[in-house]
C-alpha cells in the first residue's frame, strides 16, 4: 500500500469518526447519555463539558439522570441544558436532574432522518475532498518524475477502491441510524 493511500485512509478514518460522533448525538426514541454529555456548562469560571461535572446515567429507556458531583452547579447545568436546544425541559429533584424523553412524533422522526442524510452527505463531501487532495499529490509526483505513469494509474485505482469502501461504511452507518430513529 502506498503512502498516498495510507495518508488518505487516516483522514478517511477521522471523517468516519466525526460522522459516528455526530450520529451518536442525534436524538432517537431511547434515552442516551451521549445526547447531553458534550453540552458545555459554565461552572467554576470556565466552560466544561457536562460529563466533566456530573455523572450521567439512563435509569430507564425514557429518562436521563444527571447527578452533579458538586451540588452548587445544579443551576448552571440546568441553564446549560435549557440553552442547548435538545428540546427537553430538565426537572430538578434536590441535587438530581432528570430529563424525560418525550415520545417522538412521525414528523420528528422524519426531520431527524433528514439530518442523518445531511450528515452522511457532509461526510461524503469530506471523503471526496480527501480523495482529490491525494489524486493531486499523485499527479504532482508523476510530473516531478518521483513515480511512473503506471504507478500513478495503480495508486489512483487503489485510492478509488478505498474510497468506495469508505462510502459503503458511510451508507451503512446512516442506514443503521435511520432504522434506529424510525423504530417505534
C-alpha atoms as a PDB file:
ATOM      1  CA  UNK A   1       0.000   0.000   0.000  1.00  0.00           C
ATOM      2  CA  UNK A   2       1.333   3.391  -0.969  1.00  0.00           C
ATOM      3  CA  UNK A   3       1.931   6.328   1.321  1.00  0.00           C
ATOM      4  CA  UNK A   4      -0.754   8.238  -0.589  1.00  0.00           C
ATOM      5  CA  UNK A   5      -3.362   5.658   0.387  1.00  0.00           C
ATOM      6  CA  UNK A   6      -2.119   5.348   3.981  1.00  0.00           C
ATOM      7  CA  UNK A   7      -2.323   9.113   4.467  1.00  0.00           C
ATOM      8  CA  UNK A   8      -5.764   9.277   2.855  1.00  0.00           C
ATOM      9  CA  UNK A   9      -7.002   6.328   4.944  1.00  0.00           C
ATOM     10  CA  UNK A  10      -6.023   8.122   8.156  1.00  0.00           C
ATOM     11  CA  UNK A  11      -8.027  11.154   7.037  1.00  0.00           C
ATOM     12  CA  UNK A  12     -10.933   8.895   5.995  1.00  0.00           C
ATOM     13  CA  UNK A  13     -10.975   7.345   9.474  1.00  0.00           C
ATOM     14  CA  UNK A  14     -11.078  10.795  11.075  1.00  0.00           C
ATOM     15  CA  UNK A  15     -14.041  11.723   8.855  1.00  0.00           C
ATOM     16  CA  UNK A  16     -15.816   8.462   9.761  1.00  0.00           C
ATOM     17  CA  UNK A  17     -15.162   9.027  13.474  1.00  0.00           C
ATOM     18  CA  UNK A  18     -16.611  12.526  13.162  1.00  0.00           C
ATOM     19  CA  UNK A  19     -19.713  11.155  11.413  1.00  0.00           C
ATOM     20  CA  UNK A  20     -20.123   8.447  14.067  1.00  0.00           C
ATOM     21  CA  UNK A  21     -19.980  11.067  16.822  1.00  0.00           C
ATOM     22  CA  UNK A  22     -22.469  13.311  15.007  1.00  0.00           C
ATOM     23  CA  UNK A  23     -24.886  10.412  14.532  1.00  0.00           C
ATOM     24  CA  UNK A  24     -24.476   9.284  18.134  1.00  0.00           C
ATOM     25  CA  UNK A  25     -25.529  12.715  19.356  1.00  0.00           C
ATOM     26  CA  UNK A  26     -28.753  12.716  17.337  1.00  0.00           C
ATOM     27  CA  UNK A  27     -31.827  12.034  19.422  1.00  0.00           C
ATOM     28  CA  UNK A  28     -33.632   8.748  18.992  1.00  0.00           C
ATOM     29  CA  UNK A  29     -36.569   7.285  20.856  1.00  0.00           C
ATOM     30  CA  UNK A  30     -34.349   5.948  23.644  1.00  0.00           C
ATOM     31  CA  UNK A  31     -32.622   7.914  26.390  1.00  0.00           C
ATOM     32  CA  UNK A  32     -28.896   8.025  25.760  1.00  0.00           C
ATOM     33  CA  UNK A  33     -26.223   9.770  27.844  1.00  0.00           C
ATOM     34  CA  UNK A  34     -24.378  10.816  24.680  1.00  0.00           C
ATOM     35  CA  UNK A  35     -27.264  13.196  23.936  1.00  0.00           C
ATOM     36  CA  UNK A  36     -26.115  15.524  26.746  1.00  0.00           C
ATOM     37  CA  UNK A  37     -22.578  14.564  27.793  1.00  0.00           C
ATOM     38  CA  UNK A  38     -20.858  17.055  25.460  1.00  0.00           C
ATOM     39  CA  UNK A  39     -23.056  20.037  26.410  1.00  0.00           C
ATOM     40  CA  UNK A  40     -20.899  22.854  27.768  1.00  0.00           C
ATOM     41  CA  UNK A  41     -21.678  24.101  31.278  1.00  0.00           C
ATOM     42  CA  UNK A  42     -20.390  27.408  32.651  1.00  0.00           C
ATOM     43  CA  UNK A  43     -19.073  26.306  36.039  1.00  0.00           C
ATOM     44  CA  UNK A  44     -16.181  27.362  38.273  1.00  0.00           C
ATOM     45  CA  UNK A  45     -15.475  30.316  35.998  1.00  0.00           C
ATOM     46  CA  UNK A  46     -14.902  28.262  32.836  1.00  0.00           C
ATOM     47  CA  UNK A  47     -16.734  26.226  30.237  1.00  0.00           C
ATOM     48  CA  UNK A  48     -16.698  22.489  30.943  1.00  0.00           C
ATOM     49  CA  UNK A  49     -18.413  19.513  29.327  1.00  0.00           C
ATOM     50  CA  UNK A  50     -21.336  18.133  31.327  1.00  0.00           C
ATOM     51  CA  UNK A  51     -19.599  14.754  31.651  1.00  0.00           C
ATOM     52  CA  UNK A  52     -16.797  16.613  33.465  1.00  0.00           C
ATOM     53  CA  UNK A  53     -19.035  17.993  36.238  1.00  0.00           C
ATOM     54  CA  UNK A  54     -21.636  15.239  36.741  1.00  0.00           C
ATOM     55  CA  UNK A  55     -22.373  11.564  36.362  1.00  0.00           C
ATOM     56  CA  UNK A  56     -24.875  10.820  33.614  1.00  0.00           C
ATOM     57  CA  UNK A  57     -26.978   7.663  33.706  1.00  0.00           C
ATOM     58  CA  UNK A  58     -30.057   6.265  31.995  1.00  0.00           C
ATOM     59  CA  UNK A  59     -32.121   4.503  34.681  1.00  0.00           C
ATOM     60  CA  UNK A  60     -34.715   3.548  32.055  1.00  0.00           C
ATOM     61  CA  UNK A  61     -35.330   3.907  28.312  1.00  0.00           C
ATOM     62  CA  UNK A  62     -37.107   7.264  28.674  1.00  0.00           C
ATOM     63  CA  UNK A  63     -35.019   9.053  31.338  1.00  0.00           C
ATOM     64  CA  UNK A  64     -31.561  10.605  31.514  1.00  0.00           C
ATOM     65  CA  UNK A  65     -30.405  11.241  35.077  1.00  0.00           C
ATOM     66  CA  UNK A  66     -27.680  13.764  35.844  1.00  0.00           C
ATOM     67  CA  UNK A  67     -26.050  13.888  39.273  1.00  0.00           C
ATOM     68  CA  UNK A  68     -23.568  16.744  39.708  1.00  0.00           C
ATOM     69  CA  UNK A  69     -20.524  15.975  41.816  1.00  0.00           C
ATOM     70  CA  UNK A  70     -20.921  19.400  43.380  1.00  0.00           C
ATOM     71  CA  UNK A  71     -24.453  20.480  44.344  1.00  0.00           C
ATOM     72  CA  UNK A  72     -23.502  24.114  43.661  1.00  0.00           C
ATOM     73  CA  UNK A  73     -23.515  23.561  39.886  1.00  0.00           C
ATOM     74  CA  UNK A  74     -27.105  22.258  39.610  1.00  0.00           C
ATOM     75  CA  UNK A  75     -28.423  25.640  38.420  1.00  0.00           C
ATOM     76  CA  UNK A  76     -25.513  26.001  35.970  1.00  0.00           C
ATOM     77  CA  UNK A  77     -26.289  22.575  34.498  1.00  0.00           C
ATOM     78  CA  UNK A  78     -29.993  23.416  34.248  1.00  0.00           C
ATOM     79  CA  UNK A  79     -29.177  26.659  32.428  1.00  0.00           C
ATOM     80  CA  UNK A  80     -26.855  24.834  30.003  1.00  0.00           C
ATOM     81  CA  UNK A  81     -29.486  22.162  29.296  1.00  0.00           C
ATOM     82  CA  UNK A  82     -32.138  24.794  28.596  1.00  0.00           C
ATOM     83  CA  UNK A  83     -29.787  26.680  26.239  1.00  0.00           C
ATOM     84  CA  UNK A  84     -28.576  23.538  24.434  1.00  0.00           C
ATOM     85  CA  UNK A  85     -31.596  23.191  22.170  1.00  0.00           C
ATOM     86  CA  UNK A  86     -32.165  19.489  22.859  1.00  0.00           C
ATOM     87  CA  UNK A  87     -35.837  20.237  23.381  1.00  0.00           C
ATOM     88  CA  UNK A  88     -36.197  18.586  26.781  1.00  0.00           C
ATOM     89  CA  UNK A  89     -37.028  20.525  29.940  1.00  0.00           C
ATOM     90  CA  UNK A  90     -34.953  19.412  32.935  1.00  0.00           C
ATOM     91  CA  UNK A  91     -36.729  18.505  36.176  1.00  0.00           C
ATOM     92  CA  UNK A  92     -34.736  19.037  39.374  1.00  0.00           C
ATOM     93  CA  UNK A  93     -35.257  16.863  42.446  1.00  0.00           C
ATOM     94  CA  UNK A  94     -32.820  18.072  45.099  1.00  0.00           C
ATOM     95  CA  UNK A  95     -29.410  17.692  43.525  1.00  0.00           C
ATOM     96  CA  UNK A  96     -30.512  15.250  40.800  1.00  0.00           C
ATOM     97  CA  UNK A  97     -31.637  16.429  37.370  1.00  0.00           C
ATOM     98  CA  UNK A  98     -34.000  14.272  35.314  1.00  0.00           C
ATOM     99  CA  UNK A  99     -34.605  14.611  31.596  1.00  0.00           C
ATOM    100  CA  UNK A 100     -37.717  12.726  30.497  1.00  0.00           C
ATOM    101  CA  UNK A 101     -37.636  11.945  26.797  1.00  0.00           C
ATOM    102  CA  UNK A 102     -40.898  12.983  25.158  1.00  0.00           C
ATOM    103  CA  UNK A 103     -42.307  10.484  22.679  1.00  0.00           C
ATOM    104  CA  UNK A 104     -41.174  11.239  19.158  1.00  0.00           C
ATOM    105  CA  UNK A 105     -43.771  12.083  16.568  1.00  0.00           C
ATOM    106  CA  UNK A 106     -43.612  10.839  12.994  1.00  0.00           C
ATOM    107  CA  UNK A 107     -42.689  14.367  11.920  1.00  0.00           C
ATOM    108  CA  UNK A 108     -39.779  14.489  14.430  1.00  0.00           C
ATOM    109  CA  UNK A 109     -38.529  11.155  13.129  1.00  0.00           C
ATOM    110  CA  UNK A 110     -38.610  12.336   9.521  1.00  0.00           C
ATOM    111  CA  UNK A 111     -36.772  15.541  10.459  1.00  0.00           C
ATOM    112  CA  UNK A 112     -34.053  13.550  12.224  1.00  0.00           C
ATOM    113  CA  UNK A 113     -33.754  11.183   9.240  1.00  0.00           C
ATOM    114  CA  UNK A 114     -33.202  14.276   7.044  1.00  0.00           C
ATOM    115  CA  UNK A 115     -30.433  15.408   9.413  1.00  0.00           C
ATOM    116  CA  UNK A 116     -28.874  11.924   9.222  1.00  0.00           C
ATOM    117  CA  UNK A 117     -28.877  12.239   5.429  1.00  0.00           C
ATOM    118  CA  UNK A 118     -27.282  15.687   5.626  1.00  0.00           C
ATOM    119  CA  UNK A 119     -24.547  14.465   7.966  1.00  0.00           C
ATOM    120  CA  UNK A 120     -23.847  11.474   5.689  1.00  0.00           C
ATOM    121  CA  UNK A 121     -23.629  13.805   2.680  1.00  0.00           C
ATOM    122  CA  UNK A 122     -21.208  16.090   4.562  1.00  0.00           C
ATOM    123  CA  UNK A 123     -19.054  13.036   5.273  1.00  0.00           C
ATOM    124  CA  UNK A 124     -19.134  12.009   1.585  1.00  0.00           C
ATOM    125  CA  UNK A 125     -18.067  15.535   0.586  1.00  0.00           C
ATOM    126  CA  UNK A 126     -15.187  15.370   3.064  1.00  0.00           C
ATOM    127  CA  UNK A 127     -14.146  11.986   1.614  1.00  0.00           C
ATOM    128  CA  UNK A 128     -14.256  13.396  -1.938  1.00  0.00           C
ATOM    129  CA  UNK A 129     -12.061  16.330  -0.889  1.00  0.00           C
ATOM    130  CA  UNK A 130      -9.530  13.981   0.725  1.00  0.00           C
ATOM    131  CA  UNK A 131      -9.546  11.823  -2.439  1.00  0.00           C
ATOM    132  CA  UNK A 132      -8.962  14.870  -4.648  1.00  0.00           C
ATOM    133  CA  UNK A 133      -6.029  16.010  -2.486  1.00  0.00           C
ATOM    134  CA  UNK A 134      -4.476  12.540  -2.736  1.00  0.00           C
ATOM    135  CA  UNK A 135      -5.048  12.485  -6.541  1.00  0.00           C
ATOM    136  CA  UNK A 136      -3.401  15.900  -6.909  1.00  0.00           C
ATOM    137  CA  UNK A 137      -0.389  14.703  -4.911  1.00  0.00           C
ATOM    138  CA  UNK A 138      -0.082  11.571  -7.075  1.00  0.00           C
ATOM    139  CA  UNK A 139      -0.219  13.654 -10.292  1.00  0.00           C
ATOM    140  CA  UNK A 140       2.250  16.187  -8.906  1.00  0.00           C
ATOM    141  CA  UNK A 141       4.684  13.383  -8.010  1.00  0.00           C
ATOM    142  CA  UNK A 142       4.330  11.871 -11.508  1.00  0.00           C
ATOM    143  CA  UNK A 143       5.135  15.251 -13.099  1.00  0.00           C
ATOM    144  CA  UNK A 144       8.149  15.552 -10.799  1.00  0.00           C
ATOM    145  CA  UNK A 145       9.222  12.081 -12.050  1.00  0.00           C
ATOM    146  CA  UNK A 146       9.015  10.650  -8.495  1.00  0.00           C
ATOM    147  CA  UNK A 147       6.620   7.951  -9.753  1.00  0.00           C
ATOM    148  CA  UNK A 148       5.922   6.445 -13.175  1.00  0.00           C
ATOM    149  CA  UNK A 149       2.721   6.711 -15.199  1.00  0.00           C
ATOM    150  CA  UNK A 150       1.897   3.063 -14.417  1.00  0.00           C
ATOM    151  CA  UNK A 151       2.342   3.729 -10.697  1.00  0.00           C
ATOM    152  CA  UNK A 152       0.056   6.756 -10.977  1.00  0.00           C
ATOM    153  CA  UNK A 153      -2.715   4.633 -12.512  1.00  0.00           C
ATOM    154  CA  UNK A 154      -2.164   1.912  -9.922  1.00  0.00           C
ATOM    155  CA  UNK A 155      -2.280   4.358  -7.000  1.00  0.00           C
ATOM    156  CA  UNK A 156      -5.386   6.077  -8.361  1.00  0.00           C
ATOM    157  CA  UNK A 157      -7.140   2.739  -8.809  1.00  0.00           C
ATOM    158  CA  UNK A 158      -6.197   1.729  -5.268  1.00  0.00           C
ATOM    159  CA  UNK A 159      -7.440   5.101  -3.988  1.00  0.00           C
ATOM    160  CA  UNK A 160     -10.790   4.681  -5.802  1.00  0.00           C
ATOM    161  CA  UNK A 161     -11.287   1.210  -4.277  1.00  0.00           C
ATOM    162  CA  UNK A 162     -10.542   2.581  -0.815  1.00  0.00           C
ATOM    163  CA  UNK A 163     -12.993   5.463  -1.322  1.00  0.00           C
ATOM    164  CA  UNK A 164     -15.690   3.015  -2.437  1.00  0.00           C
ATOM    165  CA  UNK A 165     -15.235   1.003   0.788  1.00  0.00           C
ATOM    166  CA  UNK A 166     -15.384   4.173   2.901  1.00  0.00           C
ATOM    167  CA  UNK A 167     -18.560   5.311   1.134  1.00  0.00           C
ATOM    168  CA  UNK A 168     -20.112   1.902   1.834  1.00  0.00           C
ATOM    169  CA  UNK A 169     -19.321   2.384   5.525  1.00  0.00           C
ATOM    170  CA  UNK A 170     -20.942   5.837   5.479  1.00  0.00           C
ATOM    171  CA  UNK A 171     -24.030   4.342   3.836  1.00  0.00           C
ATOM    172  CA  UNK A 172     -24.190   1.544   6.423  1.00  0.00           C
ATOM    173  CA  UNK A 173     -23.804   3.975   9.333  1.00  0.00           C
ATOM    174  CA  UNK A 174     -26.553   6.270   8.041  1.00  0.00           C
ATOM    175  CA  UNK A 175     -28.954   3.387   7.269  1.00  0.00           C
ATOM    176  CA  UNK A 176     -28.462   1.955  10.782  1.00  0.00           C
ATOM    177  CA  UNK A 177     -29.165   5.354  12.348  1.00  0.00           C
ATOM    178  CA  UNK A 178     -32.244   5.869  10.154  1.00  0.00           C
ATOM    179  CA  UNK A 179     -33.599   2.480  11.235  1.00  0.00           C
ATOM    180  CA  UNK A 180     -32.908   3.321  14.875  1.00  0.00           C
ATOM    181  CA  UNK A 181     -34.736   6.657  14.547  1.00  0.00           C
ATOM    182  CA  UNK A 182     -37.723   5.217  12.700  1.00  0.00           C
ATOM    183  CA  UNK A 183     -38.234   2.235  15.045  1.00  0.00           C
ATOM    184  CA  UNK A 184     -41.091   2.847  17.448  1.00  0.00           C
END
